[in-house]
Amino acid sequence: MTDSDKVSKGYKAAKSDGLSRIELDTSSGSNISHDAHNHDSKVCEQLQNRENQWWQARQCLIDLKERQVFWFGDNSMMMWLLWQLVSYVIVALLLMLANKVLSFPLSLKQYLAVFALQTVVFIIAIVFKGNLARFLQNRICRAELKREQSLNEMLILAADSVFPNVHRQAPISLQSIYENNHCQIRLVSLYTLLNSEVRAGKLVLQQQTQADVLPLELAEDKLNEVASKVVYRSALSQSSIS
């Protein structure tokens, strides 16, 4: 074998080895990119689930607090008496209807017995009013805990998906963040998450909005109007962001 043949064989072997390494590097890069995409998809799916849980917990908490104010608020005794009178009227109408339509006659003693039973139930409810109030308060506490847990989980997931992009692209408006939001969470949810970064001193909000003092259900309409004017600047150094 001549020297030129040896050189040619060595060149072909090196070329083949180089191509193999390039293919391995390309395959490895493709796998990493695929894994990163899968990770982002899972994080976004979890973030959407936690957002739904957070809104459900908020709505449950609002309903329970409205019930607490209605039945156990400062003027609750008046409401209890009013509803007891309403129940007397409703039961009387039902008994009269049954008497006419179903030909189910009742004597005066039977009417009085029904109203007496209603009164006994009412008195028992009044006696155990404190226990009912404590039971409702326990449900409110559980709903508040569920809401806080869901929000904390949203913040953890957002720190892995939403916040890094915001810091890299800052200064950036809320509207741009929402449009680039591949997790597709609601604008007011996004605003709430970003406000946590503002309170932590990691983001700077250049313009305050009236949405801060509104309930979240009403704040969304206001945010839609001013989202392009709400601009965030990053307070982190570029080295810490990267």
C-alpha atoms as a PDB file:
ATOM      1  CA  MET A   1       0.000   0.000   0.000  1.00  0.00           C
ATOM      2  CA  THR A   2       1.438   3.383  -1.023  1.00  0.00           C
ATOM      3  CA  ASP A   3       1.616   6.456   1.165  1.00  0.00           C
ATOM      4  CA  SER A   4      -1.077   8.159  -0.907  1.00  0.00           C
ATOM      5  CA  ASP A   5      -3.441   5.221  -0.340  1.00  0.00           C
ATOM      6  CA  LYS A   6      -2.794   5.408   3.396  1.00  0.00           C
ATOM      7  CA  VAL A   7      -3.488   9.132   3.414  1.00  0.00           C
ATOM      8  CA  SER A   8      -6.660   8.612   1.401  1.00  0.00           C
ATOM      9  CA  LYS A   9      -7.888   5.899   3.774  1.00  0.00           C
ATOM     10  CA  GLY A  10      -7.031   8.027   6.804  1.00  0.00           C
ATOM     11  CA  TYR A  11      -8.900  10.989   5.317  1.00  0.00           C
ATOM     12  CA  LYS A  12     -11.976   8.856   4.608  1.00  0.00           C
ATOM     13  CA  ALA A  13     -11.904   7.406   8.128  1.00  0.00           C
ATOM     14  CA  ALA A  14     -11.551  10.862   9.695  1.00  0.00           C
ATOM     15  CA  LYS A  15     -14.331  12.186   7.473  1.00  0.00           C
ATOM     16  CA  SER A  16     -16.599   9.287   8.409  1.00  0.00           C
ATOM     17  CA  ASP A  17     -15.813   9.767  12.099  1.00  0.00           C
ATOM     18  CA  GLY A  18     -16.468  13.498  11.797  1.00  0.00           C
ATOM     19  CA  LEU A  19     -19.812  12.927  10.090  1.00  0.00           C
ATOM     20  CA  SER A  20     -20.768  10.440  12.787  1.00  0.00           C
ATOM     21  CA  ARG A  21     -19.950  12.977  15.500  1.00  0.00           C
ATOM     22  CA  ILE A  22     -21.958  15.666  13.685  1.00  0.00           C
ATOM     23  CA  GLU A  23     -24.922  13.284  13.409  1.00  0.00           C
ATOM     24  CA  LEU A  24     -24.612  12.457  17.110  1.00  0.00           C
ATOM     25  CA  ASP A  25     -24.427  16.147  18.043  1.00  0.00           C
ATOM     26  CA  THR A  26     -27.443  16.929  15.840  1.00  0.00           C
ATOM     27  CA  SER A  27     -29.397  14.025  17.275  1.00  0.00           C
ATOM     28  CA  SER A  28     -28.449  15.053  20.812  1.00  0.00           C
ATOM     29  CA  GLY A  29     -29.463  18.660  20.138  1.00  0.00           C
ATOM     30  CA  SER A  30     -32.761  17.508  18.657  1.00  0.00           C
ATOM     31  CA  ASN A  31     -33.468  15.332  21.702  1.00  0.00           C
ATOM     32  CA  ILE A  32     -32.670  18.205  24.067  1.00  0.00           C
ATOM     33  CA  SER A  33     -34.954  20.540  22.119  1.00  0.00           C
ATOM     34  CA  HIS A  34     -37.741  17.928  22.128  1.00  0.00           C
ATOM     35  CA  ASP A  35     -37.335  17.354  25.872  1.00  0.00           C
ATOM     36  CA  ALA A  36     -37.400  21.100  26.525  1.00  0.00           C
ATOM     37  CA  HIS A  37     -40.594  21.455  24.477  1.00  0.00           C
ATOM     38  CA  ASN A  38     -42.224  18.589  26.369  1.00  0.00           C
ATOM     39  CA  HIS A  39     -41.169  20.156  29.669  1.00  0.00           C
ATOM     40  CA  ASP A  40     -42.635  23.543  28.704  1.00  0.00           C
ATOM     41  CA  SER A  41     -45.869  21.891  27.573  1.00  0.00           C
ATOM     42  CA  LYS A  42     -46.217  20.037  30.876  1.00  0.00           C
ATOM     43  CA  VAL A  43     -45.482  23.180  32.885  1.00  0.00           C
ATOM     44  CA  CYS A  44     -48.078  25.159  30.909  1.00  0.00           C
ATOM     45  CA  GLU A  45     -50.670  22.426  31.340  1.00  0.00           C
ATOM     46  CA  GLN A  46     -50.039  22.351  35.083  1.00  0.00           C
ATOM     47  CA  LEU A  47     -50.204  26.150  35.233  1.00  0.00           C
ATOM     48  CA  GLN A  48     -53.589  26.144  33.478  1.00  0.00           C
ATOM     49  CA  ASN A  49     -54.885  23.491  35.890  1.00  0.00           C
ATOM     50  CA  ARG A  50     -53.704  25.458  38.923  1.00  0.00           C
ATOM     51  CA  GLU A  51     -55.267  28.605  37.495  1.00  0.00           C
ATOM     52  CA  ASN A  52     -58.635  26.840  37.167  1.00  0.00           C
ATOM     53  CA  GLN A  53     -58.328  25.552  40.736  1.00  0.00           C
ATOM     54  CA  TRP A  54     -57.449  29.048  41.940  1.00  0.00           C
ATOM     55  CA  TRP A  55     -60.515  30.622  40.293  1.00  0.00           C
ATOM     56  CA  GLN A  56     -62.769  27.856  41.601  1.00  0.00           C
ATOM     57  CA  ALA A  57     -61.387  28.314  45.134  1.00  0.00           C
ATOM     58  CA  ARG A  58     -61.885  32.089  44.859  1.00  0.00           C
ATOM     59  CA  GLN A  59     -65.498  31.705  43.729  1.00  0.00           C
ATOM     60  CA  CYS A  60     -66.197  29.177  46.480  1.00  0.00           C
ATOM     61  CA  LEU A  61     -64.690  31.552  49.037  1.00  0.00           C
ATOM     62  CA  ILE A  62     -66.803  34.465  47.779  1.00  0.00           C
ATOM     63  CA  ASP A  63     -69.985  32.372  47.979  1.00  0.00           C
ATOM     64  CA  LEU A  64     -69.181  31.208  51.511  1.00  0.00           C
ATOM     65  CA  LYS A  65     -68.426  34.725  52.735  1.00  0.00           C
ATOM     66  CA  GLU A  66     -71.664  36.039  51.241  1.00  0.00           C
ATOM     67  CA  ARG A  67     -73.512  33.236  53.028  1.00  0.00           C
ATOM     68  CA  GLN A  68     -71.721  34.098  56.260  1.00  0.00           C
ATOM     69  CA  VAL A  69     -72.695  37.767  56.045  1.00  0.00           C
ATOM     70  CA  PHE A  70     -76.287  36.879  55.161  1.00  0.00           C
ATOM     71  CA  TRP A  71     -76.891  34.298  57.901  1.00  0.00           C
ATOM     72  CA  PHE A  72     -74.411  35.284  60.618  1.00  0.00           C
ATOM     73  CA  GLY A  73     -73.725  38.989  60.051  1.00  0.00           C
ATOM     74  CA  ASP A  74     -74.593  41.923  62.323  1.00  0.00           C
ATOM     75  CA  ASN A  75     -78.289  41.910  61.319  1.00  0.00           C
ATOM     76  CA  SER A  76     -78.529  38.157  60.923  1.00  0.00           C
ATOM     77  CA  MET A  77     -81.245  37.704  63.577  1.00  0.00           C
ATOM     78  CA  MET A  78     -83.593  39.925  61.593  1.00  0.00           C
ATOM     79  CA  MET A  79     -82.907  37.813  58.511  1.00  0.00           C
ATOM     80  CA  TRP A  80     -83.605  34.604  60.425  1.00  0.00           C
ATOM     81  CA  LEU A  81     -86.947  35.970  61.681  1.00  0.00           C
ATOM     82  CA  LEU A  82     -87.832  37.248  58.216  1.00  0.00           C
ATOM     83  CA  TRP A  83     -87.156  33.895  56.603  1.00  0.00           C
ATOM     84  CA  GLN A  84     -89.105  32.131  59.318  1.00  0.00           C
ATOM     85  CA  LEU A  85     -92.135  34.314  58.527  1.00  0.00           C
ATOM     86  CA  VAL A  86     -91.634  33.628  54.816  1.00  0.00           C
ATOM     87  CA  SER A  87     -91.515  29.888  55.520  1.00  0.00           C
ATOM     88  CA  TYR A  88     -94.819  30.139  57.424  1.00  0.00           C
ATOM     89  CA  VAL A  89     -96.429  31.766  54.391  1.00  0.00           C
ATOM     90  CA  ILE A  90     -94.972  29.247  51.942  1.00  0.00           C
ATOM     91  CA  VAL A  91     -96.069  26.251  54.021  1.00  0.00           C
ATOM     92  CA  ALA A  92     -99.572  27.729  54.464  1.00  0.00           C
ATOM     93  CA  LEU A  93     -99.906  28.226  50.706  1.00  0.00           C
ATOM     94  CA  LEU A  94     -98.729  24.664  50.003  1.00  0.00           C
ATOM     95  CA  LEU A  95    -101.191  23.238  52.500  1.00  0.00           C
ATOM     96  CA  MET A  96    -104.057  25.238  50.998  1.00  0.00           C
ATOM     97  CA  LEU A  97    -103.032  24.120  47.504  1.00  0.00           C
ATOM     98  CA  ALA A  98    -102.897  20.503  48.610  1.00  0.00           C
ATOM     99  CA  ASN A  99    -106.303  20.895  50.187  1.00  0.00           C
ATOM    100  CA  LYS A 100    -107.864  22.204  46.940  1.00  0.00           C
ATOM    101  CA  VAL A 101    -106.043  20.211  44.272  1.00  0.00           C
ATOM    102  CA  LEU A 102    -105.565  16.884  46.023  1.00  0.00           C
ATOM    103  CA  SER A 103    -108.710  17.066  48.152  1.00  0.00           C
ATOM    104  CA  PHE A 104    -106.556  16.528  51.190  1.00  0.00           C
ATOM    105  CA  PRO A 105    -108.486  18.219  53.991  1.00  0.00           C
ATOM    106  CA  LEU A 106    -106.652  19.294  57.151  1.00  0.00           C
ATOM    107  CA  SER A 107    -108.204  20.296  60.426  1.00  0.00           C
ATOM    108  CA  LEU A 108    -107.196  23.403  62.354  1.00  0.00           C
ATOM    109  CA  LYS A 109    -105.235  21.263  64.822  1.00  0.00           C
ATOM    110  CA  GLN A 110    -103.242  19.752  61.964  1.00  0.00           C
ATOM    111  CA  TYR A 111    -102.422  23.218  60.612  1.00  0.00           C
ATOM    112  CA  LEU A 112    -101.303  24.277  64.063  1.00  0.00           C
ATOM    113  CA  ALA A 113     -99.220  21.115  64.417  1.00  0.00           C
ATOM    114  CA  VAL A 114     -97.388  21.859  61.176  1.00  0.00           C
ATOM    115  CA  PHE A 115     -96.658  25.449  62.231  1.00  0.00           C
ATOM    116  CA  ALA A 116     -95.589  24.250  65.686  1.00  0.00           C
ATOM    117  CA  LEU A 117     -93.156  21.817  64.069  1.00  0.00           C
ATOM    118  CA  GLN A 118     -91.740  24.665  61.976  1.00  0.00           C
ATOM    119  CA  THR A 119     -91.312  26.753  65.103  1.00  0.00           C
ATOM    120  CA  VAL A 120     -89.490  23.928  66.909  1.00  0.00           C
ATOM    121  CA  VAL A 121     -87.103  23.532  63.974  1.00  0.00           C
ATOM    122  CA  PHE A 122     -86.503  27.283  64.001  1.00  0.00           C
ATOM    123  CA  ILE A 123     -85.760  27.318  67.741  1.00  0.00           C
ATOM    124  CA  ILE A 124     -83.325  24.412  67.368  1.00  0.00           C
ATOM    125  CA  ALA A 125     -81.556  26.247  64.551  1.00  0.00           C
ATOM    126  CA  ILE A 126     -81.275  29.383  66.730  1.00  0.00           C
ATOM    127  CA  VAL A 127     -79.880  27.336  69.632  1.00  0.00           C
ATOM    128  CA  PHE A 128     -77.222  25.787  67.415  1.00  0.00           C
ATOM    129  CA  LYS A 129     -76.573  28.999  65.491  1.00  0.00           C
ATOM    130  CA  GLY A 130     -73.092  29.322  66.992  1.00  0.00           C
ATOM    131  CA  ASN A 131     -72.183  25.790  65.885  1.00  0.00           C
ATOM    132  CA  LEU A 132     -73.466  26.489  62.381  1.00  0.00           C
ATOM    133  CA  ALA A 133     -71.420  29.695  62.270  1.00  0.00           C
ATOM    134  CA  ARG A 134     -68.264  27.821  63.322  1.00  0.00           C
ATOM    135  CA  PHE A 135     -68.904  25.135  60.726  1.00  0.00           C
ATOM    136  CA  LEU A 136     -69.239  27.766  58.018  1.00  0.00           C
ATOM    137  CA  GLN A 137     -66.095  29.535  59.254  1.00  0.00           C
ATOM    138  CA  ASN A 138     -64.158  26.267  59.011  1.00  0.00           C
ATOM    139  CA  ARG A 139     -65.285  25.891  55.409  1.00  0.00           C
ATOM    140  CA  ILE A 140     -64.132  29.451  54.712  1.00  0.00           C
ATOM    141  CA  CYS A 141     -60.717  28.700  56.219  1.00  0.00           C
ATOM    142  CA  ARG A 142     -60.370  25.584  54.067  1.00  0.00           C
ATOM    143  CA  ALA A 143     -61.368  27.550  50.960  1.00  0.00           C
ATOM    144  CA  GLU A 144     -58.817  30.272  51.791  1.00  0.00           C
ATOM    145  CA  LEU A 145     -56.112  27.640  52.260  1.00  0.00           C
ATOM    146  CA  LYS A 146     -57.008  26.041  48.939  1.00  0.00           C
ATOM    147  CA  ARG A 147     -56.873  29.427  47.216  1.00  0.00           C
ATOM    148  CA  GLU A 148     -53.458  30.245  48.692  1.00  0.00           C
ATOM    149  CA  GLN A 149     -52.069  26.822  47.822  1.00  0.00           C
ATOM    150  CA  SER A 150     -53.244  27.132  44.230  1.00  0.00           C
ATOM    151  CA  LEU A 151     -51.743  30.620  43.929  1.00  0.00           C
ATOM    152  CA  ASN A 152     -48.414  29.492  45.398  1.00  0.00           C
ATOM    153  CA  GLU A 153     -48.293  26.574  42.963  1.00  0.00           C
ATOM    154  CA  MET A 154     -49.054  28.993  40.113  1.00  0.00           C
ATOM    155  CA  LEU A 155     -46.137  31.182  41.221  1.00  0.00           C
ATOM    156  CA  ILE A 156     -43.769  28.205  41.297  1.00  0.00           C
ATOM    157  CA  LEU A 157     -44.809  27.147  37.795  1.00  0.00           C
ATOM    158  CA  ALA A 158     -44.698  30.732  36.488  1.00  0.00           C
ATOM    159  CA  ALA A 159     -41.139  31.074  37.801  1.00  0.00           C
ATOM    160  CA  ASP A 160     -40.219  28.228  35.462  1.00  0.00           C
ATOM    161  CA  SER A 161     -42.178  29.381  32.411  1.00  0.00           C
ATOM    162  CA  VAL A 162     -43.431  32.985  32.434  1.00  0.00           C
ATOM    163  CA  PHE A 163     -41.056  35.064  34.559  1.00  0.00           C
ATOM    164  CA  PRO A 164     -37.762  34.202  32.803  1.00  0.00           C
ATOM    165  CA  ASN A 165     -39.115  35.405  29.449  1.00  0.00           C
ATOM    166  CA  VAL A 166     -40.453  38.593  31.022  1.00  0.00           C
ATOM    167  CA  HIS A 167     -37.072  39.406  32.564  1.00  0.00           C
ATOM    168  CA  ARG A 168     -35.239  38.684  29.308  1.00  0.00           C
ATOM    169  CA  GLN A 169     -37.604  40.818  27.199  1.00  0.00           C
ATOM    170  CA  ALA A 170     -38.056  43.682  29.698  1.00  0.00           C
ATOM    171  CA  PRO A 171     -39.012  46.470  29.390  1.00  0.00           C
ATOM    172  CA  ILE A 172     -42.197  44.911  28.100  1.00  0.00           C
ATOM    173  CA  SER A 173     -45.890  45.774  28.323  1.00  0.00           C
ATOM    174  CA  LEU A 174     -48.538  43.618  29.904  1.00  0.00           C
ATOM    175  CA  GLN A 175     -50.248  43.340  26.509  1.00  0.00           C
ATOM    176  CA  SER A 176     -47.072  41.941  24.908  1.00  0.00           C
ATOM    177  CA  ILE A 177     -46.581  39.487  27.768  1.00  0.00           C
ATOM    178  CA  TYR A 178     -50.177  38.325  27.347  1.00  0.00           C
ATOM    179  CA  GLU A 179     -49.837  37.933  23.573  1.00  0.00           C
ATOM    180  CA  ASN A 180     -46.571  35.996  23.970  1.00  0.00           C
ATOM    181  CA  ASN A 181     -48.047  33.907  26.752  1.00  0.00           C
ATOM    182  CA  HIS A 182     -47.938  30.371  25.363  1.00  0.00           C
ATOM    183  CA  CYS A 183     -49.553  29.044  28.543  1.00  0.00           C
ATOM    184  CA  GLN A 184     -52.786  30.861  27.629  1.00  0.00           C
ATOM    185  CA  ILE A 185     -53.793  31.938  31.123  1.00  0.00           C
ATOM    186  CA  ARG A 186     -56.209  34.820  31.679  1.00  0.00           C
ATOM    187  CA  LEU A 187     -54.953  38.395  31.584  1.00  0.00           C
ATOM    188  CA  VAL A 188     -55.965  39.107  35.179  1.00  0.00           C
ATOM    189  CA  SER A 189     -54.256  35.896  36.352  1.00  0.00           C
ATOM    190  CA  LEU A 190     -51.095  36.950  34.548  1.00  0.00           C
ATOM    191  CA  TYR A 191     -51.325  40.396  36.149  1.00  0.00           C
ATOM    192  CA  THR A 192     -51.665  38.826  39.603  1.00  0.00           C
ATOM    193  CA  LEU A 193     -48.586  36.661  39.054  1.00  0.00           C
ATOM    194  CA  LEU A 194     -46.528  39.588  37.792  1.00  0.00           C
ATOM    195  CA  ASN A 195     -47.568  41.663  40.799  1.00  0.00           C
ATOM    196  CA  SER A 196     -45.935  39.049  43.024  1.00  0.00           C
ATOM    197  CA  GLU A 197     -42.659  39.687  41.188  1.00  0.00           C
ATOM    198  CA  VAL A 198     -43.185  43.418  41.699  1.00  0.00           C
ATOM    199  CA  ARG A 199     -43.723  42.943  45.445  1.00  0.00           C
ATOM    200  CA  ALA A 200     -40.601  40.763  45.574  1.00  0.00           C
ATOM    201  CA  GLY A 201     -38.604  43.601  44.015  1.00  0.00           C
ATOM    202  CA  LYS A 202     -37.703  41.618  40.890  1.00  0.00           C
ATOM    203  CA  LEU A 203     -39.889  43.635  38.529  1.00  0.00           C
ATOM    204  CA  VAL A 204     -40.660  47.350  38.460  1.00  0.00           C
ATOM    205  CA  LEU A 205     -44.138  48.449  37.393  1.00  0.00           C
ATOM    206  CA  GLN A 206     -43.904  51.828  35.694  1.00  0.00           C
ATOM    207  CA  GLN A 207     -47.598  52.728  35.897  1.00  0.00           C
ATOM    208  CA  GLN A 208     -50.159  51.859  38.548  1.00  0.00           C
ATOM    209  CA  THR A 209     -53.694  51.034  37.421  1.00  0.00           C
ATOM    210  CA  GLN A 210     -57.142  51.161  38.961  1.00  0.00           C
ATOM    211  CA  ALA A 211     -57.253  47.379  38.565  1.00  0.00           C
ATOM    212  CA  ASP A 212     -55.264  47.103  41.816  1.00  0.00           C
ATOM    213  CA  VAL A 213     -58.260  48.210  43.872  1.00  0.00           C
ATOM    214  CA  LEU A 214     -60.930  46.317  41.930  1.00  0.00           C
ATOM    215  CA  PRO A 215     -62.099  42.734  42.422  1.00  0.00           C
ATOM    216  CA  LEU A 216     -60.414  40.428  39.925  1.00  0.00           C
ATOM    217  CA  GLU A 217     -63.691  39.776  38.094  1.00  0.00           C
ATOM    218  CA  LEU A 218     -64.024  43.518  37.401  1.00  0.00           C
ATOM    219  CA  ALA A 219     -60.313  44.207  37.002  1.00  0.00           C
ATOM    220  CA  GLU A 220     -60.082  42.166  33.800  1.00  0.00           C
ATOM    221  CA  ASP A 221     -62.181  44.669  31.823  1.00  0.00           C
ATOM    222  CA  LYS A 222     -60.034  47.545  33.090  1.00  0.00           C
ATOM    223  CA  LEU A 223     -56.819  45.683  32.268  1.00  0.00           C
ATOM    224  CA  ASN A 224     -57.985  45.074  28.703  1.00  0.00           C
ATOM    225  CA  GLU A 225     -58.157  48.851  28.275  1.00  0.00           C
ATOM    226  CA  VAL A 226     -54.729  49.721  29.724  1.00  0.00           C
ATOM    227  CA  ALA A 227     -52.669  46.544  29.161  1.00  0.00           C
ATOM    228  CA  SER A 228     -50.519  48.175  26.478  1.00  0.00           C
ATOM    229  CA  LYS A 229     -49.641  51.059  28.869  1.00  0.00           C
ATOM    230  CA  VAL A 230     -48.665  48.842  31.797  1.00  0.00           C
ATOM    231  CA  VAL A 231     -44.918  48.338  31.343  1.00  0.00           C
ATOM    232  CA  TYR A 232     -42.618  46.146  33.425  1.00  0.00           C
ATOM    233  CA  ARG A 233     -38.872  46.623  33.842  1.00  0.00           C
ATOM    234  CA  SER A 234     -36.607  43.970  35.261  1.00  0.00           C
ATOM    235  CA  ALA A 235     -34.721  44.760  38.460  1.00  0.00           C
ATOM    236  CA  LEU A 236     -32.435  41.745  37.999  1.00  0.00           C
ATOM    237  CA  SER A 237     -28.969  41.904  36.475  1.00  0.00           C
ATOM    238  CA  GLN A 238     -28.440  40.295  33.082  1.00  0.00           C
ATOM    239  CA  SER A 239     -26.101  37.690  34.580  1.00  0.00           C
ATOM    240  CA  SER A 240     -28.747  36.532  37.052  1.00  0.00           C
ATOM    241  CA  ILE A 241     -31.388  36.376  34.282  1.00  0.00           C
ATOM    242  CA  SER A 242     -29.253  34.214  32.003  1.00  0.00           C
END
